[in-house]
Amino acid sequence: MAFNEIEQRKDELKEKLLKMGYFKHPDGRQLYELSLSELEKAYKTIKRGDVFEQQSNFGG
């Protein structure tokens, strides 16, 4: 996957996660700090309704 494709996919996942109320990773990192694989894992986990805590704001 080319760099531009990776960045585009990351942007798509960040947008989806934000719409789902997920603003940062449980370890405190913001979405822009996550790798593509971390974003994909977070998206799949939340979509299944599993462990990640959904947060309503950046303050958590």
N, C-alpha and C. Protein backbone atom coordinates (compact mmCIF):
# COMPACT_ATOMS: atom_id res chain seq x y z
N MET A 1 0.85 -1.17 0.00
CA MET A 1 0.00 0.00 0.00
C MET A 1 0.90 1.24 0.00
N ALA A 2 0.62 2.18 -0.88
CA ALA A 2 1.40 3.40 -0.98
C ALA A 2 1.11 4.33 0.19
N PHE A 3 2.03 5.23 0.46
CA PHE A 3 1.89 6.16 1.59
C PHE A 3 0.56 6.90 1.55
N ASN A 4 0.21 7.44 0.38
CA ASN A 4 -1.05 8.19 0.26
C ASN A 4 -2.26 7.32 0.55
N GLU A 5 -2.21 6.06 0.12
CA GLU A 5 -3.31 5.14 0.38
C GLU A 5 -3.44 4.84 1.87
N ILE A 6 -2.30 4.70 2.52
CA ILE A 6 -2.29 4.44 3.97
C ILE A 6 -2.89 5.63 4.70
N GLU A 7 -2.45 6.83 4.35
CA GLU A 7 -2.96 8.03 5.01
C GLU A 7 -4.46 8.21 4.75
N GLN A 8 -4.89 7.90 3.55
CA GLN A 8 -6.32 7.99 3.22
C GLN A 8 -7.12 7.00 4.05
N ARG A 9 -6.64 5.78 4.18
CA ARG A 9 -7.32 4.76 4.98
C ARG A 9 -7.36 5.16 6.46
N LYS A 10 -6.25 5.71 6.95
CA LYS A 10 -6.21 6.17 8.34
C LYS A 10 -7.24 7.27 8.56
N ASP A 11 -7.34 8.20 7.62
CA ASP A 11 -8.32 9.28 7.73
C ASP A 11 -9.75 8.74 7.74
N GLU A 12 -10.02 7.75 6.89
CA GLU A 12 -11.35 7.13 6.86
C GLU A 12 -11.69 6.49 8.19
N LEU A 13 -10.73 5.75 8.75
CA LEU A 13 -10.97 5.07 10.02
C LEU A 13 -11.13 6.08 11.15
N LYS A 14 -10.33 7.14 11.16
CA LYS A 14 -10.46 8.17 12.20
C LYS A 14 -11.84 8.80 12.14
N GLU A 15 -12.32 9.09 10.94
CA GLU A 15 -13.65 9.68 10.78
C GLU A 15 -14.73 8.74 11.31
N LYS A 16 -14.63 7.46 10.97
CA LYS A 16 -15.60 6.48 11.45
C LYS A 16 -15.56 6.36 12.97
N LEU A 17 -14.36 6.32 13.53
CA LEU A 17 -14.22 6.20 14.98
C LEU A 17 -14.80 7.42 15.69
N LEU A 18 -14.54 8.59 15.16
CA LEU A 18 -15.09 9.82 15.77
C LEU A 18 -16.61 9.79 15.75
N LYS A 19 -17.20 9.33 14.67
CA LYS A 19 -18.65 9.24 14.56
C LYS A 19 -19.22 8.24 15.56
N MET A 20 -18.40 7.27 15.95
CA MET A 20 -18.83 6.25 16.91
C MET A 20 -18.58 6.70 18.36
N GLY A 21 -18.05 7.92 18.53
CA GLY A 21 -17.80 8.44 19.87
C GLY A 21 -16.47 8.03 20.45
N TYR A 22 -15.56 7.58 19.62
CA TYR A 22 -14.25 7.12 20.08
C TYR A 22 -13.23 8.19 19.73
N PHE A 23 -12.70 8.86 20.75
CA PHE A 23 -11.83 10.00 20.51
C PHE A 23 -10.36 9.76 20.83
N LYS A 24 -10.08 8.78 21.64
CA LYS A 24 -8.68 8.45 21.91
C LYS A 24 -8.56 7.00 22.37
N HIS A 25 -7.37 6.48 22.22
CA HIS A 25 -7.06 5.10 22.57
C HIS A 25 -7.08 4.95 24.10
N PRO A 26 -7.39 3.79 24.60
CA PRO A 26 -7.41 3.59 26.05
C PRO A 26 -6.08 3.94 26.74
N ASP A 27 -4.97 3.90 26.01
CA ASP A 27 -3.69 4.25 26.63
C ASP A 27 -3.45 5.77 26.63
N GLY A 28 -4.45 6.54 26.16
CA GLY A 28 -4.37 7.99 26.22
C GLY A 28 -3.92 8.67 24.94
N ARG A 29 -3.48 7.90 23.95
CA ARG A 29 -3.05 8.52 22.70
C ARG A 29 -4.25 8.98 21.89
N GLN A 30 -4.06 10.09 21.17
CA GLN A 30 -5.08 10.61 20.28
C GLN A 30 -5.10 9.76 19.01
N LEU A 31 -6.20 9.82 18.27
CA LEU A 31 -6.34 9.01 17.06
C LEU A 31 -5.23 9.28 16.05
N TYR A 32 -4.82 10.54 15.92
CA TYR A 32 -3.77 10.86 14.94
C TYR A 32 -2.43 10.22 15.28
N GLU A 33 -2.26 9.77 16.51
CA GLU A 33 -1.01 9.15 16.94
C GLU A 33 -0.97 7.64 16.65
N LEU A 34 -2.10 7.06 16.26
CA LEU A 34 -2.18 5.62 16.07
C LEU A 34 -1.76 5.21 14.66
N SER A 35 -1.19 4.01 14.57
CA SER A 35 -0.83 3.45 13.27
C SER A 35 -2.08 2.93 12.58
N LEU A 36 -1.95 2.61 11.31
CA LEU A 36 -3.08 2.05 10.57
C LEU A 36 -3.58 0.78 11.23
N SER A 37 -2.68 -0.10 11.62
CA SER A 37 -3.13 -1.36 12.23
C SER A 37 -3.82 -1.12 13.57
N GLU A 38 -3.37 -0.13 14.34
CA GLU A 38 -4.02 0.18 15.61
C GLU A 38 -5.41 0.77 15.37
N LEU A 39 -5.54 1.62 14.35
CA LEU A 39 -6.85 2.18 14.02
C LEU A 39 -7.81 1.09 13.56
N GLU A 40 -7.31 0.17 12.73
CA GLU A 40 -8.15 -0.93 12.25
C GLU A 40 -8.61 -1.81 13.40
N LYS A 41 -7.71 -2.10 14.31
CA LYS A 41 -8.05 -2.93 15.47
C LYS A 41 -9.09 -2.23 16.34
N ALA A 42 -8.89 -0.93 16.59
CA ALA A 42 -9.85 -0.18 17.40
C ALA A 42 -11.22 -0.17 16.74
N TYR A 43 -11.25 0.06 15.44
CA TYR A 43 -12.53 0.10 14.72
C TYR A 43 -13.25 -1.25 14.80
N LYS A 44 -12.53 -2.32 14.54
CA LYS A 44 -13.14 -3.65 14.59
C LYS A 44 -13.63 -3.98 16.01
N THR A 45 -12.85 -3.59 17.00
CA THR A 45 -13.20 -3.87 18.39
C THR A 45 -14.47 -3.12 18.78
N ILE A 46 -14.53 -1.85 18.44
CA ILE A 46 -15.70 -1.05 18.79
C ILE A 46 -16.92 -1.51 18.01
N LYS A 47 -16.73 -1.83 16.76
CA LYS A 47 -17.86 -2.28 15.94
C LYS A 47 -18.47 -3.55 16.53
N ARG A 48 -17.64 -4.41 17.12
CA ARG A 48 -18.12 -5.63 17.77
C ARG A 48 -18.73 -5.34 19.14
N GLY A 49 -18.45 -4.15 19.68
CA GLY A 49 -18.96 -3.80 21.01
C GLY A 49 -18.08 -4.32 22.12
N ASP A 50 -16.82 -4.59 21.81
CA ASP A 50 -15.91 -5.13 22.81
C ASP A 50 -15.28 -4.05 23.69
N VAL A 51 -14.16 -4.40 24.25
CA VAL A 51 -13.52 -3.76 25.39
C VAL A 51 -13.24 -2.27 25.40
N PHE A 52 -12.91 -1.65 24.32
CA PHE A 52 -12.50 -0.26 24.39
C PHE A 52 -13.62 0.61 24.94
N GLU A 53 -13.26 1.47 25.86
CA GLU A 53 -14.22 2.41 26.44
C GLU A 53 -14.46 3.53 25.44
N GLN A 54 -15.71 3.77 25.13
CA GLN A 54 -16.03 4.88 24.24
C GLN A 54 -16.14 6.14 25.07
N GLN A 55 -15.53 7.20 24.60
CA GLN A 55 -15.50 8.43 25.37
C GLN A 55 -16.26 9.52 24.63
N SER A 56 -16.91 10.39 25.37
CA SER A 56 -17.74 11.42 24.75
C SER A 56 -16.98 12.70 24.48
N ASN A 57 -15.77 12.83 25.03
CA ASN A 57 -15.00 14.04 24.77
C ASN A 57 -13.51 13.74 24.93
N PHE A 58 -12.68 14.69 24.54
CA PHE A 58 -11.23 14.46 24.60
C PHE A 58 -10.73 14.40 26.03
N GLY A 59 -11.44 14.98 26.96
CA GLY A 59 -11.00 14.94 28.35
C GLY A 59 -11.16 13.57 28.97
N GLY A 60 -11.98 12.71 28.35
CA GLY A 60 -12.16 11.35 28.81
C GLY A 60 -12.85 11.28 30.11
